[in-house]
Amino acid sequence: MNEKEDLFEYDDEDAVKFIQNYLPQELKGKFTDDDINYIVDLIYEYYESKGYLNERDDDDDVEIDEDELTSFVIKNAQKDGIGKFEADQIMFIVLGELDYCDSLND
């Protein structure tokens, strides 16, 4: 079980479905499920690099810089040779993932 599953009872398949549904109509079909899984993995690499996955009190709110996170995803995707993504496209996946996590905490 990976860290995101430990923290939120995170289900990768549900997350991908949620994010696919979150995308605006013009982006539907642009990203495969594998693309989204890869991007979500990069999102969690970012969280880990910032220490967001460390143990903390439930009262501690984490402020996520969405622009910085988006830049991190784009930079690493290019470095890994996965694809050239535009910031506005990645931002929708980032926001979809954040909303999915919020829905788990409700």
N, C-alpha and C. Protein backbone atom coordinates (compact mmCIF):
# COMPACT_ATOMS: atom_id res chain seq x y z
N MET A 1 0.86 -1.17 0.00
CA MET A 1 0.00 0.00 0.00
C MET A 1 0.90 1.24 0.00
N ASN A 2 0.61 2.20 -0.85
CA ASN A 2 1.47 3.38 -0.92
C ASN A 2 0.98 4.46 0.03
N GLU A 3 1.75 5.53 0.14
CA GLU A 3 1.47 6.57 1.14
C GLU A 3 0.13 7.24 0.93
N LYS A 4 -0.24 7.48 -0.33
CA LYS A 4 -1.52 8.16 -0.55
C LYS A 4 -2.68 7.28 -0.13
N GLU A 5 -2.55 5.96 -0.27
CA GLU A 5 -3.62 5.07 0.18
C GLU A 5 -3.69 5.05 1.71
N ASP A 6 -2.52 5.08 2.36
CA ASP A 6 -2.49 5.10 3.82
C ASP A 6 -3.19 6.33 4.37
N LEU A 7 -2.93 7.47 3.77
CA LEU A 7 -3.43 8.73 4.30
C LEU A 7 -4.93 8.91 4.14
N PHE A 8 -5.48 8.53 3.02
CA PHE A 8 -6.82 8.92 2.70
C PHE A 8 -7.76 7.77 2.34
N GLU A 9 -7.31 6.53 2.48
CA GLU A 9 -8.05 5.43 1.88
C GLU A 9 -8.21 5.72 0.40
N TYR A 10 -7.14 6.16 -0.19
CA TYR A 10 -7.06 6.62 -1.57
C TYR A 10 -7.20 5.43 -2.49
N ASP A 11 -8.05 5.54 -3.48
CA ASP A 11 -8.23 4.49 -4.48
C ASP A 11 -7.81 5.07 -5.83
N ASP A 12 -6.74 4.52 -6.40
CA ASP A 12 -6.20 5.05 -7.65
C ASP A 12 -7.24 5.07 -8.77
N GLU A 13 -8.00 3.99 -8.90
CA GLU A 13 -9.01 3.93 -9.96
C GLU A 13 -10.10 4.98 -9.76
N ASP A 14 -10.56 5.12 -8.52
CA ASP A 14 -11.57 6.15 -8.23
C ASP A 14 -11.02 7.55 -8.48
N ALA A 15 -9.76 7.76 -8.12
CA ALA A 15 -9.14 9.07 -8.33
C ALA A 15 -9.08 9.40 -9.82
N VAL A 16 -8.68 8.43 -10.63
CA VAL A 16 -8.60 8.67 -12.07
C VAL A 16 -9.98 8.97 -12.65
N LYS A 17 -10.97 8.20 -12.24
CA LYS A 17 -12.35 8.45 -12.71
C LYS A 17 -12.81 9.84 -12.30
N PHE A 18 -12.55 10.20 -11.05
CA PHE A 18 -12.93 11.51 -10.53
C PHE A 18 -12.28 12.61 -11.36
N ILE A 19 -10.98 12.48 -11.60
CA ILE A 19 -10.24 13.50 -12.34
C ILE A 19 -10.71 13.56 -13.79
N GLN A 20 -10.93 12.41 -14.41
CA GLN A 20 -11.43 12.40 -15.79
C GLN A 20 -12.75 13.14 -15.87
N ASN A 21 -13.63 12.95 -14.89
CA ASN A 21 -14.92 13.65 -14.87
C ASN A 21 -14.76 15.12 -14.56
N TYR A 22 -13.71 15.47 -13.83
CA TYR A 22 -13.44 16.86 -13.43
C TYR A 22 -12.97 17.70 -14.62
N LEU A 23 -12.29 17.06 -15.56
CA LEU A 23 -11.72 17.79 -16.70
C LEU A 23 -12.81 18.47 -17.52
N PRO A 24 -12.53 19.67 -18.01
CA PRO A 24 -13.50 20.33 -18.88
C PRO A 24 -13.66 19.58 -20.19
N GLN A 25 -14.75 19.80 -20.86
CA GLN A 25 -15.08 19.05 -22.07
C GLN A 25 -13.94 19.05 -23.09
N GLU A 26 -13.29 20.20 -23.27
CA GLU A 26 -12.24 20.28 -24.29
C GLU A 26 -11.01 19.44 -23.96
N LEU A 27 -10.87 18.99 -22.71
CA LEU A 27 -9.74 18.14 -22.33
C LEU A 27 -10.12 16.67 -22.19
N LYS A 28 -11.39 16.37 -22.25
CA LYS A 28 -11.81 14.97 -22.14
C LYS A 28 -11.24 14.20 -23.33
N GLY A 29 -10.62 13.09 -23.05
CA GLY A 29 -10.00 12.28 -24.08
C GLY A 29 -8.56 12.67 -24.38
N LYS A 30 -8.11 13.79 -23.88
CA LYS A 30 -6.72 14.23 -24.11
C LYS A 30 -5.74 13.43 -23.27
N PHE A 31 -6.17 13.07 -22.05
CA PHE A 31 -5.31 12.34 -21.12
C PHE A 31 -5.83 10.93 -20.93
N THR A 32 -4.94 9.96 -21.09
CA THR A 32 -5.32 8.58 -20.81
C THR A 32 -5.32 8.37 -19.30
N ASP A 33 -5.88 7.26 -18.86
CA ASP A 33 -5.82 6.93 -17.44
C ASP A 33 -4.37 6.81 -16.97
N ASP A 34 -3.51 6.25 -17.84
CA ASP A 34 -2.09 6.12 -17.50
C ASP A 34 -1.44 7.50 -17.34
N ASP A 35 -1.80 8.45 -18.22
CA ASP A 35 -1.28 9.82 -18.10
C ASP A 35 -1.66 10.40 -16.74
N ILE A 36 -2.91 10.24 -16.37
CA ILE A 36 -3.38 10.80 -15.11
C ILE A 36 -2.70 10.12 -13.93
N ASN A 37 -2.56 8.81 -13.98
CA ASN A 37 -1.85 8.10 -12.91
C ASN A 37 -0.42 8.62 -12.77
N TYR A 38 0.24 8.81 -13.90
CA TYR A 38 1.61 9.33 -13.88
C TYR A 38 1.65 10.72 -13.25
N ILE A 39 0.74 11.59 -13.66
CA ILE A 39 0.70 12.96 -13.14
C ILE A 39 0.39 12.95 -11.65
N VAL A 40 -0.53 12.10 -11.22
CA VAL A 40 -0.84 12.00 -9.78
C VAL A 40 0.39 11.51 -9.01
N ASP A 41 1.13 10.58 -9.59
CA ASP A 41 2.37 10.14 -8.93
C ASP A 41 3.34 11.31 -8.77
N LEU A 42 3.43 12.16 -9.79
CA LEU A 42 4.29 13.34 -9.69
C LEU A 42 3.77 14.31 -8.62
N ILE A 43 2.47 14.44 -8.52
CA ILE A 43 1.88 15.29 -7.49
C ILE A 43 2.32 14.79 -6.11
N TYR A 44 2.29 13.48 -5.91
CA TYR A 44 2.69 12.93 -4.62
C TYR A 44 4.20 13.01 -4.39
N GLU A 45 4.98 12.98 -5.47
CA GLU A 45 6.42 13.23 -5.31
C GLU A 45 6.64 14.66 -4.79
N TYR A 46 5.87 15.59 -5.33
CA TYR A 46 5.95 16.98 -4.88
C TYR A 46 5.57 17.08 -3.40
N TYR A 47 4.44 16.45 -3.03
CA TYR A 47 4.01 16.48 -1.63
C TYR A 47 5.09 15.93 -0.72
N GLU A 48 5.69 14.83 -1.15
CA GLU A 48 6.74 14.21 -0.34
C GLU A 48 7.95 15.14 -0.22
N SER A 49 8.33 15.78 -1.32
CA SER A 49 9.49 16.67 -1.30
C SER A 49 9.27 17.87 -0.38
N LYS A 50 8.02 18.26 -0.19
CA LYS A 50 7.67 19.39 0.68
C LYS A 50 7.38 18.96 2.11
N GLY A 51 7.39 17.65 2.36
CA GLY A 51 7.13 17.15 3.71
C GLY A 51 5.65 17.08 4.07
N TYR A 52 4.78 17.21 3.08
CA TYR A 52 3.34 17.21 3.34
C TYR A 52 2.82 15.84 3.76
N LEU A 53 3.58 14.79 3.47
CA LEU A 53 3.11 13.44 3.80
C LEU A 53 3.61 12.98 5.16
N ASN A 54 4.39 13.81 5.83
CA ASN A 54 4.88 13.48 7.17
C ASN A 54 3.73 13.55 8.16
N GLU A 55 3.90 12.85 9.27
CA GLU A 55 2.89 12.90 10.34
C GLU A 55 2.71 14.34 10.81
N ARG A 56 1.47 14.73 10.99
CA ARG A 56 1.18 16.07 11.51
C ARG A 56 -0.18 16.03 12.18
N ASP A 57 -0.45 17.06 12.96
CA ASP A 57 -1.75 17.16 13.61
C ASP A 57 -2.82 17.44 12.57
N ASP A 58 -4.03 16.93 12.81
CA ASP A 58 -5.13 17.18 11.89
C ASP A 58 -5.47 18.67 11.81
N ASP A 59 -5.10 19.42 12.84
CA ASP A 59 -5.38 20.85 12.85
C ASP A 59 -4.44 21.64 11.95
N ASP A 60 -3.33 21.02 11.55
CA ASP A 60 -2.35 21.71 10.70
C ASP A 60 -2.84 21.71 9.26
N ASP A 61 -3.20 22.88 8.77
CA ASP A 61 -3.59 23.02 7.38
C ASP A 61 -2.34 23.17 6.54
N VAL A 62 -2.35 22.51 5.39
CA VAL A 62 -1.24 22.61 4.46
C VAL A 62 -1.68 23.51 3.31
N GLU A 63 -0.91 24.54 3.07
CA GLU A 63 -1.18 25.42 1.94
C GLU A 63 -0.35 24.93 0.76
N ILE A 64 -1.01 24.52 -0.29
CA ILE A 64 -0.33 24.01 -1.47
C ILE A 64 -0.31 25.11 -2.52
N ASP A 65 0.88 25.42 -2.98
CA ASP A 65 1.05 26.40 -4.05
C ASP A 65 0.77 25.67 -5.37
N GLU A 66 -0.42 25.87 -5.89
CA GLU A 66 -0.86 25.14 -7.09
C GLU A 66 0.01 25.46 -8.30
N ASP A 67 0.48 26.70 -8.42
CA ASP A 67 1.35 27.06 -9.54
C ASP A 67 2.70 26.36 -9.44
N GLU A 68 3.24 26.31 -8.22
CA GLU A 68 4.52 25.62 -8.02
C GLU A 68 4.36 24.12 -8.28
N LEU A 69 3.28 23.55 -7.81
CA LEU A 69 3.01 22.13 -8.03
C LEU A 69 2.86 21.85 -9.52
N THR A 70 2.15 22.68 -10.23
CA THR A 70 1.96 22.51 -11.68
C THR A 70 3.31 22.58 -12.39
N SER A 71 4.14 23.53 -12.03
CA SER A 71 5.47 23.66 -12.64
C SER A 71 6.32 22.43 -12.36
N PHE A 72 6.23 21.90 -11.14
CA PHE A 72 6.96 20.68 -10.78
C PHE A 72 6.54 19.52 -11.68
N VAL A 73 5.24 19.36 -11.89
CA VAL A 73 4.73 18.27 -12.72
C VAL A 73 5.23 18.42 -14.16
N ILE A 74 5.11 19.61 -14.71
CA ILE A 74 5.52 19.85 -16.10
C ILE A 74 7.01 19.59 -16.27
N LYS A 75 7.81 20.13 -15.36
CA LYS A 75 9.27 19.96 -15.43
C LYS A 75 9.66 18.49 -15.38
N ASN A 76 9.06 17.73 -14.46
CA ASN A 76 9.42 16.32 -14.31
C ASN A 76 8.89 15.47 -15.45
N ALA A 77 7.73 15.80 -15.99
CA ALA A 77 7.21 15.07 -17.15
C ALA A 77 8.12 15.26 -18.35
N GLN A 78 8.60 16.48 -18.56
CA GLN A 78 9.52 16.74 -19.66
C GLN A 78 10.84 16.02 -19.43
N LYS A 79 11.34 16.06 -18.19
CA LYS A 79 12.60 15.39 -17.85
C LYS A 79 12.49 13.89 -18.08
N ASP A 80 11.33 13.31 -17.75
CA ASP A 80 11.12 11.87 -17.92
C ASP A 80 10.78 11.50 -19.36
N GLY A 81 10.60 12.51 -20.22
CA GLY A 81 10.27 12.25 -21.62
C GLY A 81 8.84 11.75 -21.81
N ILE A 82 7.97 12.06 -20.89
CA ILE A 82 6.59 11.56 -20.94
C ILE A 82 5.72 12.41 -21.85
N GLY A 83 5.91 13.69 -21.82
CA GLY A 83 5.09 14.53 -22.68
C GLY A 83 5.27 15.99 -22.36
N LYS A 84 4.83 16.78 -23.31
CA LYS A 84 4.84 18.23 -23.10
C LYS A 84 3.42 18.64 -22.76
N PHE A 85 3.24 18.97 -21.51
CA PHE A 85 1.92 19.37 -21.04
C PHE A 85 1.89 20.87 -20.84
N GLU A 86 0.75 21.45 -21.09
CA GLU A 86 0.58 22.88 -20.86
C GLU A 86 0.10 23.10 -19.42
N ALA A 87 0.51 24.22 -18.87
CA ALA A 87 0.21 24.51 -17.47
C ALA A 87 -1.28 24.48 -17.18
N ASP A 88 -2.10 25.05 -18.06
CA ASP A 88 -3.54 25.08 -17.78
C ASP A 88 -4.16 23.69 -17.81
N GLN A 89 -3.61 22.80 -18.63
CA GLN A 89 -4.10 21.42 -18.65
C GLN A 89 -3.74 20.69 -17.36
N ILE A 90 -2.50 20.83 -16.94
CA ILE A 90 -2.05 20.18 -15.71
C ILE A 90 -2.78 20.75 -14.51
N MET A 91 -3.06 22.04 -14.53
CA MET A 91 -3.77 22.67 -13.41
C MET A 91 -5.12 22.00 -13.18
N PHE A 92 -5.83 21.63 -14.25
CA PHE A 92 -7.11 20.95 -14.08
C PHE A 92 -6.93 19.59 -13.40
N ILE A 93 -5.86 18.88 -13.73
CA ILE A 93 -5.61 17.59 -13.08
C ILE A 93 -5.23 17.80 -11.62
N VAL A 94 -4.40 18.80 -11.35
CA VAL A 94 -4.02 19.13 -9.97
C VAL A 94 -5.27 19.46 -9.15
N LEU A 95 -6.11 20.34 -9.69
CA LEU A 95 -7.32 20.74 -8.97
C LEU A 95 -8.28 19.56 -8.80
N GLY A 96 -8.37 18.71 -9.81
CA GLY A 96 -9.21 17.52 -9.71
C GLY A 96 -8.71 16.58 -8.62
N GLU A 97 -7.40 16.42 -8.55
CA GLU A 97 -6.82 15.55 -7.51
C GLU A 97 -7.05 16.13 -6.13
N LEU A 98 -6.89 17.44 -5.99
CA LEU A 98 -7.14 18.09 -4.70
C LEU A 98 -8.60 17.94 -4.29
N ASP A 99 -9.51 18.10 -5.24
CA ASP A 99 -10.94 17.93 -4.94
C ASP A 99 -11.26 16.48 -4.58
N TYR A 100 -10.60 15.54 -5.25
CA TYR A 100 -10.81 14.13 -4.90
C TYR A 100 -10.38 13.89 -3.45
N CYS A 101 -9.21 14.40 -3.07
CA CYS A 101 -8.75 14.22 -1.69
C CYS A 101 -9.69 14.89 -0.70
N ASP A 102 -10.19 16.07 -1.05
CA ASP A 102 -11.16 16.76 -0.19
C ASP A 102 -12.42 15.92 -0.02
N SER A 103 -12.84 15.25 -1.09
CA SER A 103 -14.05 14.43 -1.01
C SER A 103 -13.86 13.23 -0.08
N LEU A 104 -12.62 12.78 0.08
CA LEU A 104 -12.33 11.66 0.99
C LEU A 104 -12.39 12.09 2.45
N ASN A 105 -12.13 13.36 2.69
CA ASN A 105 -12.11 13.88 4.04
C ASN A 105 -13.48 14.32 4.53
N ASP A 106 -14.47 14.34 3.65
CA ASP A 106 -15.83 14.78 4.04
C ASP A 106 -16.51 13.75 4.89
